[in-house]
Amino acid sequence: MHASFMPPRQVKIGDAAAFVGSTPRAIRHYHEIGLLPEPERGGDGRRRYGYEDMIRLLWIRRMADAGIALDDIRSAFTTDTASAGVDSGGDGEGVVGVLERLEESLAEQEAELRRQRAAVRRMRAEGSRMGLLSDFVTERLKGLPEGSLRQADLDSLLVTERIFGPLGAVLQTARFVALATHPVLREESDRIDEAEDALDDSVAVDDPRVAHVAAERHAFESTLQAVIEESGLGEDDDALRDAWDVLHPATADDSGGGEDGADLGSGRREAGSMSALEAIGKMPYDCSPARLRCMELAEELSAREALKSDR
């Protein structure tokens, strides 16, 4: 060291903050929470920081930069008071334990970031709306004629995936694949959709138009189902079920679906998601009483037809 320069034995808070790359405000906060002991003050009443204080500040700064919470740093210092034993366990968790927990947390964050990046890439590759769906669903929609899928189709799949999971949504894609590849069916579907939309709040539930549209809906759905079966989409559904079962083996937690089949397995929807029946009860649908009655009548017609075919 040059003889003309003699480093100070103590420095003020501003110099201490500048050296460790922090701020005076941060250092004062360390004092307030008991992370850094209050140093002695000079004759002017200002704090003075010595070598050991600076070492501790460097520790705090490096550990905080690594993502360790200040409370954890304080606990680690409390446990490992001797500088030689900073990395030893002591009676408490110590720095080693804190670092282990931090590494686990970072690994979880890394996995979440990978998931988010994959979702962003999917939205860029497939388009913002289709990319909102899972790969398992979008894979079946690839190769369809450009513009053949409607926004309402994708929105419907998005809602279905939220309620029933990717398997439920991918089984619904057969409907939209058939409509996308059969223009005549699509035209008829649009016509009936418009007729149902016309059943607004101004239409009484016993209006003859309600029963008429219900009959048209039933006839259309029967035709659409026949096209799905003839085109092999129904067989594709069976293959998709098998593929899903291979990728997502059922567990003991998946047995709560109930006899109505409304739940395709709680473990097969988003983690922490509600049951299918709960989700259906929370999803609003803008349907007038007349339209709801139309839906009921169409379902009754389908049930009668199914009963006749079983005899």
C-alpha atoms as a PDB file:
ATOM      1  CA  MET A   1       0.000   0.000   0.000  1.00  0.00           C
ATOM      2  CA  HIS A   2       1.345   3.435  -0.913  1.00  0.00           C
ATOM      3  CA  ALA A   3       2.786   5.169   2.115  1.00  0.00           C
ATOM      4  CA  SER A   4       0.946   8.370   1.319  1.00  0.00           C
ATOM      5  CA  PHE A   5      -2.436   6.637   1.616  1.00  0.00           C
ATOM      6  CA  MET A   6      -3.867   5.336   4.856  1.00  0.00           C
ATOM      7  CA  PRO A   7      -7.376   3.777   4.741  1.00  0.00           C
ATOM      8  CA  PRO A   8      -9.825   4.956   7.381  1.00  0.00           C
ATOM      9  CA  ARG A   9     -10.491   2.803  10.417  1.00  0.00           C
ATOM     10  CA  GLN A  10     -14.169   3.775  10.259  1.00  0.00           C
ATOM     11  CA  VAL A  11     -16.452   5.332   7.617  1.00  0.00           C
ATOM     12  CA  LYS A  12     -19.785   7.117   7.609  1.00  0.00           C
ATOM     13  CA  ILE A  13     -22.998   5.478   6.388  1.00  0.00           C
ATOM     14  CA  GLY A  14     -22.810   7.075   2.946  1.00  0.00           C
ATOM     15  CA  ASP A  15     -19.331   5.660   2.305  1.00  0.00           C
ATOM     16  CA  ALA A  16     -20.336   2.271   3.676  1.00  0.00           C
ATOM     17  CA  ALA A  17     -23.371   2.165   1.368  1.00  0.00           C
ATOM     18  CA  ALA A  18     -21.303   3.214  -1.640  1.00  0.00           C
ATOM     19  CA  PHE A  19     -18.682   0.525  -0.978  1.00  0.00           C
ATOM     20  CA  VAL A  20     -21.118  -2.387  -0.721  1.00  0.00           C
ATOM     21  CA  GLY A  21     -23.377  -1.094  -3.502  1.00  0.00           C
ATOM     22  CA  SER A  22     -26.323  -0.329  -1.287  1.00  0.00           C
ATOM     23  CA  THR A  23     -28.002   2.835   0.007  1.00  0.00           C
ATOM     24  CA  PRO A  24     -28.009   4.576   3.396  1.00  0.00           C
ATOM     25  CA  ARG A  25     -31.751   3.989   3.565  1.00  0.00           C
ATOM     26  CA  ALA A  26     -31.249   0.231   3.141  1.00  0.00           C
ATOM     27  CA  ILE A  27     -28.588   0.145   5.843  1.00  0.00           C
ATOM     28  CA  ARG A  28     -30.861   2.010   8.251  1.00  0.00           C
ATOM     29  CA  HIS A  29     -33.536  -0.592   7.499  1.00  0.00           C
ATOM     30  CA  TYR A  30     -31.067  -3.349   8.372  1.00  0.00           C
ATOM     31  CA  HIS A  31     -30.600  -1.681  11.742  1.00  0.00           C
ATOM     32  CA  GLU A  32     -34.357  -1.391  12.294  1.00  0.00           C
ATOM     33  CA  ILE A  33     -35.045  -5.079  11.686  1.00  0.00           C
ATOM     34  CA  GLY A  34     -32.054  -6.287  13.714  1.00  0.00           C
ATOM     35  CA  LEU A  35     -30.119  -7.552  10.706  1.00  0.00           C
ATOM     36  CA  LEU A  36     -27.146  -5.290  11.360  1.00  0.00           C
ATOM     37  CA  PRO A  37     -26.191  -4.136  14.886  1.00  0.00           C
ATOM     38  CA  GLU A  38     -26.078  -0.396  15.431  1.00  0.00           C
ATOM     39  CA  PRO A  39     -22.440   0.758  15.205  1.00  0.00           C
ATOM     40  CA  GLU A  40     -20.841   3.264  17.498  1.00  0.00           C
ATOM     41  CA  ARG A  41     -21.317   6.936  16.709  1.00  0.00           C
ATOM     42  CA  GLY A  42     -18.653   9.580  16.349  1.00  0.00           C
ATOM     43  CA  GLY A  43     -18.422  12.865  18.144  1.00  0.00           C
ATOM     44  CA  ASP A  44     -20.812  14.387  15.618  1.00  0.00           C
ATOM     45  CA  GLY A  45     -23.480  11.810  16.520  1.00  0.00           C
ATOM     46  CA  ARG A  46     -23.229  10.000  13.174  1.00  0.00           C
ATOM     47  CA  ARG A  47     -22.815   6.263  12.763  1.00  0.00           C
ATOM     48  CA  ARG A  48     -19.340   4.950  12.096  1.00  0.00           C
ATOM     49  CA  TYR A  49     -18.781   1.606  10.386  1.00  0.00           C
ATOM     50  CA  GLY A  50     -15.684  -0.505  10.871  1.00  0.00           C
ATOM     51  CA  TYR A  51     -14.202  -3.520   9.101  1.00  0.00           C
ATOM     52  CA  GLU A  52     -16.505  -6.138  10.668  1.00  0.00           C
ATOM     53  CA  ASP A  53     -19.543  -3.987   9.869  1.00  0.00           C
ATOM     54  CA  MET A  54     -18.480  -3.830   6.233  1.00  0.00           C
ATOM     55  CA  ILE A  55     -17.965  -7.601   6.076  1.00  0.00           C
ATOM     56  CA  ARG A  56     -21.480  -8.114   7.384  1.00  0.00           C
ATOM     57  CA  LEU A  57     -22.888  -5.586   4.923  1.00  0.00           C
ATOM     58  CA  LEU A  58     -21.176  -7.407   2.063  1.00  0.00           C
ATOM     59  CA  TRP A  59     -22.674 -10.670   3.291  1.00  0.00           C
ATOM     60  CA  ILE A  60     -26.125  -9.120   3.430  1.00  0.00           C
ATOM     61  CA  ARG A  61     -25.821  -7.582  -0.026  1.00  0.00           C
ATOM     62  CA  ARG A  62     -24.557 -10.755  -1.710  1.00  0.00           C
ATOM     63  CA  MET A  63     -27.164 -12.938  -0.025  1.00  0.00           C
ATOM     64  CA  ALA A  64     -29.976 -10.504  -0.855  1.00  0.00           C
ATOM     65  CA  ASP A  65     -28.793 -10.380  -4.484  1.00  0.00           C
ATOM     66  CA  ALA A  66     -29.064 -14.176  -4.547  1.00  0.00           C
ATOM     67  CA  GLY A  67     -32.722 -13.858  -3.610  1.00  0.00           C
ATOM     68  CA  ILE A  68     -32.552 -14.692   0.077  1.00  0.00           C
ATOM     69  CA  ALA A  69     -35.175 -12.834   2.095  1.00  0.00           C
ATOM     70  CA  LEU A  70     -33.920 -10.432   4.738  1.00  0.00           C
ATOM     71  CA  ASP A  71     -35.757 -12.348   7.456  1.00  0.00           C
ATOM     72  CA  ASP A  72     -33.923 -15.518   6.414  1.00  0.00           C
ATOM     73  CA  ILE A  73     -30.596 -13.693   6.390  1.00  0.00           C
ATOM     74  CA  ARG A  74     -31.280 -12.425   9.891  1.00  0.00           C
ATOM     75  CA  SER A  75     -32.200 -15.917  11.090  1.00  0.00           C
ATOM     76  CA  ALA A  76     -29.053 -17.332   9.546  1.00  0.00           C
ATOM     77  CA  PHE A  77     -26.872 -14.733  11.238  1.00  0.00           C
ATOM     78  CA  THR A  78     -28.642 -15.364  14.529  1.00  0.00           C
ATOM     79  CA  THR A  79     -27.951 -19.084  14.233  1.00  0.00           C
ATOM     80  CA  ASP A  80     -24.377 -18.796  12.968  1.00  0.00           C
ATOM     81  CA  THR A  81     -22.865 -15.995  14.997  1.00  0.00           C
ATOM     82  CA  ALA A  82     -19.237 -16.922  14.534  1.00  0.00           C
ATOM     83  CA  SER A  83     -17.805 -16.042  11.141  1.00  0.00           C
ATOM     84  CA  ALA A  84     -16.039 -19.401  11.016  1.00  0.00           C
ATOM     85  CA  GLY A  85     -19.328 -21.174  11.501  1.00  0.00           C
ATOM     86  CA  VAL A  86     -21.461 -19.224   9.088  1.00  0.00           C
ATOM     87  CA  ASP A  87     -21.963 -22.296   6.907  1.00  0.00           C
ATOM     88  CA  SER A  88     -22.405 -24.733   9.767  1.00  0.00           C
ATOM     89  CA  GLY A  89     -25.837 -25.720  10.939  1.00  0.00           C
ATOM     90  CA  GLY A  90     -25.634 -24.626  14.548  1.00  0.00           C
ATOM     91  CA  ASP A  91     -28.781 -25.134  16.563  1.00  0.00           C
ATOM     92  CA  GLY A  92     -31.013 -23.720  13.809  1.00  0.00           C
ATOM     93  CA  GLU A  93     -31.309 -23.863  10.036  1.00  0.00           C
ATOM     94  CA  GLY A  94     -28.356 -21.633   9.263  1.00  0.00           C
ATOM     95  CA  VAL A  95     -27.223 -20.392   5.875  1.00  0.00           C
ATOM     96  CA  VAL A  96     -26.984 -23.893   4.402  1.00  0.00           C
ATOM     97  CA  GLY A  97     -30.615 -24.626   5.180  1.00  0.00           C
ATOM     98  CA  VAL A  98     -31.695 -21.249   3.837  1.00  0.00           C
ATOM     99  CA  LEU A  99     -29.783 -21.867   0.612  1.00  0.00           C
ATOM    100  CA  GLU A 100     -31.362 -25.283   0.215  1.00  0.00           C
ATOM    101  CA  ARG A 101     -34.834 -23.804   0.514  1.00  0.00           C
ATOM    102  CA  LEU A 102     -33.912 -21.006  -1.877  1.00  0.00           C
ATOM    103  CA  GLU A 103     -32.608 -23.452  -4.470  1.00  0.00           C
ATOM    104  CA  GLU A 104     -35.862 -25.420  -4.301  1.00  0.00           C
ATOM    105  CA  SER A 105     -37.846 -22.207  -4.717  1.00  0.00           C
ATOM    106  CA  LEU A 106     -35.709 -21.121  -7.677  1.00  0.00           C
ATOM    107  CA  ALA A 107     -36.162 -24.530  -9.289  1.00  0.00           C
ATOM    108  CA  GLU A 108     -39.924 -24.130  -8.998  1.00  0.00           C
ATOM    109  CA  GLN A 109     -39.715 -20.624 -10.461  1.00  0.00           C
ATOM    110  CA  GLU A 110     -37.541 -21.915 -13.297  1.00  0.00           C
ATOM    111  CA  ALA A 111     -40.086 -24.615 -14.110  1.00  0.00           C
ATOM    112  CA  GLU A 112     -42.859 -22.006 -14.093  1.00  0.00           C
ATOM    113  CA  LEU A 113     -40.839 -19.749 -16.397  1.00  0.00           C
ATOM    114  CA  ARG A 114     -40.338 -22.654 -18.802  1.00  0.00           C
ATOM    115  CA  ARG A 115     -44.080 -23.263 -18.781  1.00  0.00           C
ATOM    116  CA  GLN A 116     -44.761 -19.588 -19.447  1.00  0.00           C
ATOM    117  CA  ARG A 117     -42.230 -19.440 -22.275  1.00  0.00           C
ATOM    118  CA  ALA A 118     -43.775 -22.527 -23.844  1.00  0.00           C
ATOM    119  CA  ALA A 119     -47.210 -20.889 -23.627  1.00  0.00           C
ATOM    120  CA  VAL A 120     -45.915 -17.704 -25.254  1.00  0.00           C
ATOM    121  CA  ARG A 121     -44.232 -19.666 -28.042  1.00  0.00           C
ATOM    122  CA  ARG A 122     -47.456 -21.598 -28.616  1.00  0.00           C
ATOM    123  CA  MET A 123     -49.473 -18.376 -28.867  1.00  0.00           C
ATOM    124  CA  ARG A 124     -46.967 -16.916 -31.328  1.00  0.00           C
ATOM    125  CA  ALA A 125     -46.913 -20.079 -33.440  1.00  0.00           C
ATOM    126  CA  GLU A 126     -50.627 -20.901 -33.380  1.00  0.00           C
ATOM    127  CA  GLY A 127     -52.111 -17.419 -33.095  1.00  0.00           C
ATOM    128  CA  SER A 128     -53.114 -15.651 -29.949  1.00  0.00           C
ATOM    129  CA  ARG A 129     -56.542 -17.304 -29.625  1.00  0.00           C
ATOM    130  CA  MET A 130     -55.718 -20.873 -30.597  1.00  0.00           C
ATOM    131  CA  GLY A 131     -52.482 -20.625 -28.648  1.00  0.00           C
ATOM    132  CA  LEU A 132     -54.466 -20.155 -25.459  1.00  0.00           C
ATOM    133  CA  LEU A 133     -55.452 -23.804 -25.735  1.00  0.00           C
ATOM    134  CA  SER A 134     -53.167 -26.645 -24.709  1.00  0.00           C
ATOM    135  CA  ASP A 135     -51.016 -28.476 -27.233  1.00  0.00           C
ATOM    136  CA  PHE A 136     -53.183 -31.558 -26.838  1.00  0.00           C
ATOM    137  CA  VAL A 137     -56.144 -29.579 -28.195  1.00  0.00           C
ATOM    138  CA  THR A 138     -54.441 -27.448 -30.853  1.00  0.00           C
ATOM    139  CA  GLU A 139     -52.729 -30.472 -32.389  1.00  0.00           C
ATOM    140  CA  ARG A 140     -56.099 -31.758 -33.608  1.00  0.00           C
ATOM    141  CA  LEU A 141     -57.007 -28.399 -35.138  1.00  0.00           C
ATOM    142  CA  LYS A 142     -53.891 -28.064 -37.279  1.00  0.00           C
ATOM    143  CA  GLY A 143     -54.270 -28.366 -41.040  1.00  0.00           C
ATOM    144  CA  LEU A 144     -57.828 -27.080 -41.199  1.00  0.00           C
ATOM    145  CA  PRO A 145     -58.706 -24.668 -44.007  1.00  0.00           C
ATOM    146  CA  GLU A 146     -57.675 -21.119 -43.217  1.00  0.00           C
ATOM    147  CA  GLY A 147     -60.516 -19.141 -41.678  1.00  0.00           C
ATOM    148  CA  SER A 148     -62.671 -22.236 -41.188  1.00  0.00           C
ATOM    149  CA  LEU A 149     -62.483 -21.974 -37.412  1.00  0.00           C
ATOM    150  CA  ARG A 150     -64.550 -19.204 -35.899  1.00  0.00           C
ATOM    151  CA  GLN A 151     -63.653 -17.095 -32.895  1.00  0.00           C
ATOM    152  CA  ALA A 152     -66.711 -18.529 -31.157  1.00  0.00           C
ATOM    153  CA  ASP A 153     -65.377 -22.051 -31.792  1.00  0.00           C
ATOM    154  CA  LEU A 154     -62.085 -21.285 -30.070  1.00  0.00           C
ATOM    155  CA  ASP A 155     -63.847 -19.478 -27.237  1.00  0.00           C
ATOM    156  CA  SER A 156     -66.065 -22.496 -26.691  1.00  0.00           C
ATOM    157  CA  LEU A 157     -63.031 -24.782 -26.556  1.00  0.00           C
ATOM    158  CA  LEU A 158     -61.339 -22.442 -24.100  1.00  0.00           C
ATOM    159  CA  VAL A 159     -64.314 -22.629 -21.750  1.00  0.00           C
ATOM    160  CA  THR A 160     -64.560 -26.408 -22.150  1.00  0.00           C
ATOM    161  CA  GLU A 161     -60.876 -26.863 -21.369  1.00  0.00           C
ATOM    162  CA  ARG A 162     -61.253 -24.761 -18.239  1.00  0.00           C
ATOM    163  CA  ILE A 163     -64.180 -26.870 -17.032  1.00  0.00           C
ATOM    164  CA  PHE A 164     -63.340 -30.380 -18.263  1.00  0.00           C
ATOM    165  CA  GLY A 165     -59.619 -30.144 -18.961  1.00  0.00           C
ATOM    166  CA  PRO A 166     -57.724 -30.764 -22.224  1.00  0.00           C
ATOM    167  CA  LEU A 167     -59.315 -34.174 -22.755  1.00  0.00           C
ATOM    168  CA  GLY A 168     -62.822 -32.736 -22.600  1.00  0.00           C
ATOM    169  CA  ALA A 169     -61.848 -29.955 -24.999  1.00  0.00           C
ATOM    170  CA  VAL A 170     -60.100 -32.214 -27.491  1.00  0.00           C
ATOM    171  CA  LEU A 171     -63.191 -34.428 -27.680  1.00  0.00           C
ATOM    172  CA  GLN A 172     -65.245 -31.334 -28.507  1.00  0.00           C
ATOM    173  CA  THR A 173     -62.922 -30.483 -31.394  1.00  0.00           C
ATOM    174  CA  ALA A 174     -64.548 -33.209 -33.508  1.00  0.00           C
ATOM    175  CA  ARG A 175     -67.547 -30.931 -33.816  1.00  0.00           C
ATOM    176  CA  PHE A 176     -65.532 -27.985 -35.080  1.00  0.00           C
ATOM    177  CA  VAL A 177     -63.375 -30.109 -37.363  1.00  0.00           C
ATOM    178  CA  ALA A 178     -66.530 -31.432 -39.013  1.00  0.00           C
ATOM    179  CA  LEU A 179     -67.967 -27.935 -39.389  1.00  0.00           C
ATOM    180  CA  ALA A 180     -64.666 -26.602 -40.756  1.00  0.00           C
ATOM    181  CA  THR A 181     -64.470 -29.321 -43.409  1.00  0.00           C
ATOM    182  CA  HIS A 182     -68.154 -29.374 -44.417  1.00  0.00           C
ATOM    183  CA  PRO A 183     -69.239 -25.908 -45.601  1.00  0.00           C
ATOM    184  CA  VAL A 184     -72.887 -26.934 -45.981  1.00  0.00           C
ATOM    185  CA  LEU A 185     -72.979 -28.048 -42.362  1.00  0.00           C
ATOM    186  CA  ARG A 186     -71.342 -24.802 -41.310  1.00  0.00           C
ATOM    187  CA  GLU A 187     -73.996 -22.782 -43.127  1.00  0.00           C
ATOM    188  CA  GLU A 188     -76.776 -24.750 -41.461  1.00  0.00           C
ATOM    189  CA  SER A 189     -75.083 -24.347 -38.094  1.00  0.00           C
ATOM    190  CA  ASP A 190     -74.885 -20.586 -38.573  1.00  0.00           C
ATOM    191  CA  ARG A 191     -78.552 -20.444 -39.541  1.00  0.00           C
ATOM    192  CA  ILE A 192     -79.673 -22.328 -36.435  1.00  0.00           C
ATOM    193  CA  ASP A 193     -77.365 -20.282 -34.219  1.00  0.00           C
ATOM    194  CA  GLU A 194     -79.026 -17.127 -35.522  1.00  0.00           C
ATOM    195  CA  ALA A 195     -82.465 -18.616 -34.902  1.00  0.00           C
ATOM    196  CA  GLU A 196     -81.492 -19.406 -31.313  1.00  0.00           C
ATOM    197  CA  ASP A 197     -80.046 -15.913 -30.849  1.00  0.00           C
ATOM    198  CA  ALA A 198     -83.423 -14.530 -31.910  1.00  0.00           C
ATOM    199  CA  LEU A 199     -85.023 -16.254 -28.913  1.00  0.00           C
ATOM    200  CA  ASP A 200     -84.255 -13.305 -26.688  1.00  0.00           C
ATOM    201  CA  ASP A 201     -86.041 -12.009 -23.588  1.00  0.00           C
ATOM    202  CA  SER A 202     -88.892 -10.698 -25.728  1.00  0.00           C
ATOM    203  CA  VAL A 203     -89.893 -14.250 -26.665  1.00  0.00           C
ATOM    204  CA  ALA A 204     -92.124 -16.219 -24.289  1.00  0.00           C
ATOM    205  CA  VAL A 205     -91.074 -19.730 -23.329  1.00  0.00           C
ATOM    206  CA  ASP A 206     -94.303 -21.158 -24.801  1.00  0.00           C
ATOM    207  CA  ASP A 207     -93.888 -19.305 -28.097  1.00  0.00           C
ATOM    208  CA  PRO A 208     -94.225 -21.811 -31.001  1.00  0.00           C
ATOM    209  CA  ARG A 209     -90.861 -20.626 -32.353  1.00  0.00           C
ATOM    210  CA  VAL A 210     -89.130 -22.157 -29.335  1.00  0.00           C
ATOM    211  CA  ALA A 211     -90.295 -25.683 -30.147  1.00  0.00           C
ATOM    212  CA  HIS A 212     -89.626 -25.145 -33.862  1.00  0.00           C
ATOM    213  CA  VAL A 213     -85.996 -24.082 -33.304  1.00  0.00           C
ATOM    214  CA  ALA A 214     -85.512 -26.937 -30.817  1.00  0.00           C
ATOM    215  CA  ALA A 215     -86.620 -29.424 -33.487  1.00  0.00           C
ATOM    216  CA  GLU A 216     -84.203 -27.856 -35.983  1.00  0.00           C
ATOM    217  CA  ARG A 217     -81.372 -28.018 -33.468  1.00  0.00           C
ATOM    218  CA  HIS A 218     -82.087 -31.675 -32.750  1.00  0.00           C
ATOM    219  CA  ALA A 219     -82.165 -32.544 -36.452  1.00  0.00           C
ATOM    220  CA  PHE A 220     -78.934 -30.681 -37.074  1.00  0.00           C
ATOM    221  CA  GLU A 221     -77.111 -32.333 -34.177  1.00  0.00           C
ATOM    222  CA  SER A 222     -78.189 -35.747 -35.423  1.00  0.00           C
ATOM    223  CA  THR A 223     -76.846 -34.952 -38.887  1.00  0.00           C
ATOM    224  CA  LEU A 224     -73.623 -33.548 -37.473  1.00  0.00           C
ATOM    225  CA  GLN A 225     -73.079 -36.633 -35.317  1.00  0.00           C
ATOM    226  CA  ALA A 226     -73.605 -38.880 -38.333  1.00  0.00           C
ATOM    227  CA  VAL A 227     -70.993 -36.907 -40.295  1.00  0.00           C
ATOM    228  CA  ILE A 228     -68.555 -37.178 -37.378  1.00  0.00           C
ATOM    229  CA  GLU A 229     -68.987 -40.956 -37.280  1.00  0.00           C
ATOM    230  CA  GLU A 230     -68.777 -41.376 -41.074  1.00  0.00           C
ATOM    231  CA  SER A 231     -65.625 -39.273 -41.306  1.00  0.00           C
ATOM    232  CA  GLY A 232     -63.817 -41.338 -38.661  1.00  0.00           C
ATOM    233  CA  LEU A 233     -63.635 -38.525 -36.142  1.00  0.00           C
ATOM    234  CA  GLY A 234     -65.403 -40.715 -33.617  1.00  0.00           C
ATOM    235  CA  GLU A 235     -62.654 -43.322 -33.917  1.00  0.00           C
ATOM    236  CA  ASP A 236     -60.111 -40.541 -33.515  1.00  0.00           C
ATOM    237  CA  ASP A 237     -61.810 -39.667 -30.227  1.00  0.00           C
ATOM    238  CA  ASP A 238     -61.196 -43.188 -28.953  1.00  0.00           C
ATOM    239  CA  ALA A 239     -57.537 -42.938 -29.936  1.00  0.00           C
ATOM    240  CA  LEU A 240     -57.242 -39.574 -28.201  1.00  0.00           C
ATOM    241  CA  ARG A 241     -58.691 -41.021 -25.001  1.00  0.00           C
ATOM    242  CA  ASP A 242     -56.130 -43.820 -25.124  1.00  0.00           C
ATOM    243  CA  ALA A 243     -53.294 -41.363 -25.802  1.00  0.00           C
ATOM    244  CA  TRP A 244     -54.410 -39.179 -22.898  1.00  0.00           C
ATOM    245  CA  ASP A 245     -54.568 -42.149 -20.556  1.00  0.00           C
ATOM    246  CA  VAL A 246     -51.009 -43.082 -21.506  1.00  0.00           C
ATOM    247  CA  LEU A 247     -49.739 -39.541 -20.928  1.00  0.00           C
ATOM    248  CA  HIS A 248     -51.784 -39.023 -17.753  1.00  0.00           C
ATOM    249  CA  PRO A 249     -52.376 -42.307 -15.911  1.00  0.00           C
ATOM    250  CA  ALA A 250     -55.369 -42.169 -13.581  1.00  0.00           C
ATOM    251  CA  THR A 251     -54.640 -41.894  -9.866  1.00  0.00           C
ATOM    252  CA  ALA A 252     -56.672 -42.492  -6.737  1.00  0.00           C
ATOM    253  CA  ASP A 253     -57.535 -38.780  -6.736  1.00  0.00           C
ATOM    254  CA  ASP A 254     -59.191 -39.119 -10.151  1.00  0.00           C
ATOM    255  CA  SER A 255     -62.039 -41.281  -8.910  1.00  0.00           C
ATOM    256  CA  GLY A 256     -64.342 -38.473  -7.832  1.00  0.00           C
ATOM    257  CA  GLY A 257     -65.917 -37.779 -11.183  1.00  0.00           C
ATOM    258  CA  GLY A 258     -69.344 -39.099 -10.264  1.00  0.00           C
ATOM    259  CA  GLU A 259     -71.685 -41.223 -12.300  1.00  0.00           C
ATOM    260  CA  ASP A 260     -72.824 -38.399 -14.527  1.00  0.00           C
ATOM    261  CA  GLY A 261     -69.432 -38.219 -16.229  1.00  0.00           C
ATOM    262  CA  ALA A 262     -69.346 -34.456 -15.799  1.00  0.00           C
ATOM    263  CA  ASP A 263     -65.888 -34.611 -14.276  1.00  0.00           C
ATOM    264  CA  LEU A 264     -63.158 -36.193 -16.378  1.00  0.00           C
ATOM    265  CA  GLY A 265     -60.929 -36.583 -13.317  1.00  0.00           C
ATOM    266  CA  SER A 266     -59.970 -33.775 -10.976  1.00  0.00           C
ATOM    267  CA  GLY A 267     -56.294 -34.568 -11.449  1.00  0.00           C
ATOM    268  CA  ARG A 268     -56.656 -34.041 -15.175  1.00  0.00           C
ATOM    269  CA  ARG A 269     -57.683 -30.420 -15.077  1.00  0.00           C
ATOM    270  CA  GLU A 270     -55.579 -27.483 -13.950  1.00  0.00           C
ATOM    271  CA  ALA A 271     -53.878 -27.948 -10.617  1.00  0.00           C
ATOM    272  CA  GLY A 272     -56.017 -26.562  -7.856  1.00  0.00           C
ATOM    273  CA  SER A 273     -58.993 -26.098 -10.135  1.00  0.00           C
ATOM    274  CA  MET A 274     -62.565 -26.489  -8.956  1.00  0.00           C
ATOM    275  CA  SER A 275     -64.752 -29.424  -9.883  1.00  0.00           C
ATOM    276  CA  ALA A 276     -66.576 -29.419 -13.202  1.00  0.00           C
ATOM    277  CA  LEU A 277     -69.967 -28.866 -11.569  1.00  0.00           C
ATOM    278  CA  GLU A 278     -68.582 -25.968  -9.525  1.00  0.00           C
ATOM    279  CA  ALA A 279     -67.064 -24.414 -12.639  1.00  0.00           C
ATOM    280  CA  ILE A 280     -70.293 -24.766 -14.608  1.00  0.00           C
ATOM    281  CA  GLY A 281     -72.150 -23.050 -11.775  1.00  0.00           C
ATOM    282  CA  LYS A 282     -69.775 -20.102 -11.863  1.00  0.00           C
ATOM    283  CA  MET A 283     -69.590 -19.583 -15.642  1.00  0.00           C
ATOM    284  CA  PRO A 284     -72.258 -17.084 -16.790  1.00  0.00           C
ATOM    285  CA  TYR A 285     -74.166 -17.774 -19.992  1.00  0.00           C
ATOM    286  CA  ASP A 286     -76.271 -15.126 -21.676  1.00  0.00           C
ATOM    287  CA  CYS A 287     -79.320 -17.262 -22.347  1.00  0.00           C
ATOM    288  CA  SER A 288     -82.886 -16.013 -22.177  1.00  0.00           C
ATOM    289  CA  PRO A 289     -85.609 -18.224 -20.644  1.00  0.00           C
ATOM    290  CA  ALA A 290     -86.899 -18.963 -24.138  1.00  0.00           C
ATOM    291  CA  ARG A 291     -83.490 -20.116 -25.297  1.00  0.00           C
ATOM    292  CA  LEU A 292     -82.999 -22.244 -22.219  1.00  0.00           C
ATOM    293  CA  ARG A 293     -86.367 -23.847 -22.883  1.00  0.00           C
ATOM    294  CA  CYS A 294     -85.281 -24.447 -26.487  1.00  0.00           C
ATOM    295  CA  MET A 295     -82.185 -26.259 -25.248  1.00  0.00           C
ATOM    296  CA  GLU A 296     -84.274 -28.375 -22.893  1.00  0.00           C
ATOM    297  CA  LEU A 297     -86.670 -29.365 -25.673  1.00  0.00           C
ATOM    298  CA  ALA A 298     -83.804 -30.292 -28.000  1.00  0.00           C
ATOM    299  CA  GLU A 299     -82.292 -32.501 -25.286  1.00  0.00           C
ATOM    300  CA  GLU A 300     -85.660 -34.153 -24.691  1.00  0.00           C
ATOM    301  CA  LEU A 301     -85.928 -34.959 -28.396  1.00  0.00           C
ATOM    302  CA  SER A 302     -82.447 -36.477 -28.369  1.00  0.00           C
ATOM    303  CA  ALA A 303     -83.275 -38.547 -25.282  1.00  0.00           C
ATOM    304  CA  ARG A 304     -86.454 -39.901 -26.914  1.00  0.00           C
ATOM    305  CA  GLU A 305     -84.560 -40.820 -30.051  1.00  0.00           C
ATOM    306  CA  ALA A 306     -81.876 -42.580 -28.039  1.00  0.00           C
ATOM    307  CA  LEU A 307     -84.538 -44.498 -26.133  1.00  0.00           C
ATOM    308  CA  LYS A 308     -86.166 -45.670 -29.363  1.00  0.00           C
ATOM    309  CA  SER A 309     -82.843 -46.850 -30.799  1.00  0.00           C
ATOM    310  CA  ASP A 310     -82.173 -48.902 -27.655  1.00  0.00           C
ATOM    311  CA  ARG A 311     -85.440 -50.832 -27.979  1.00  0.00           C
END
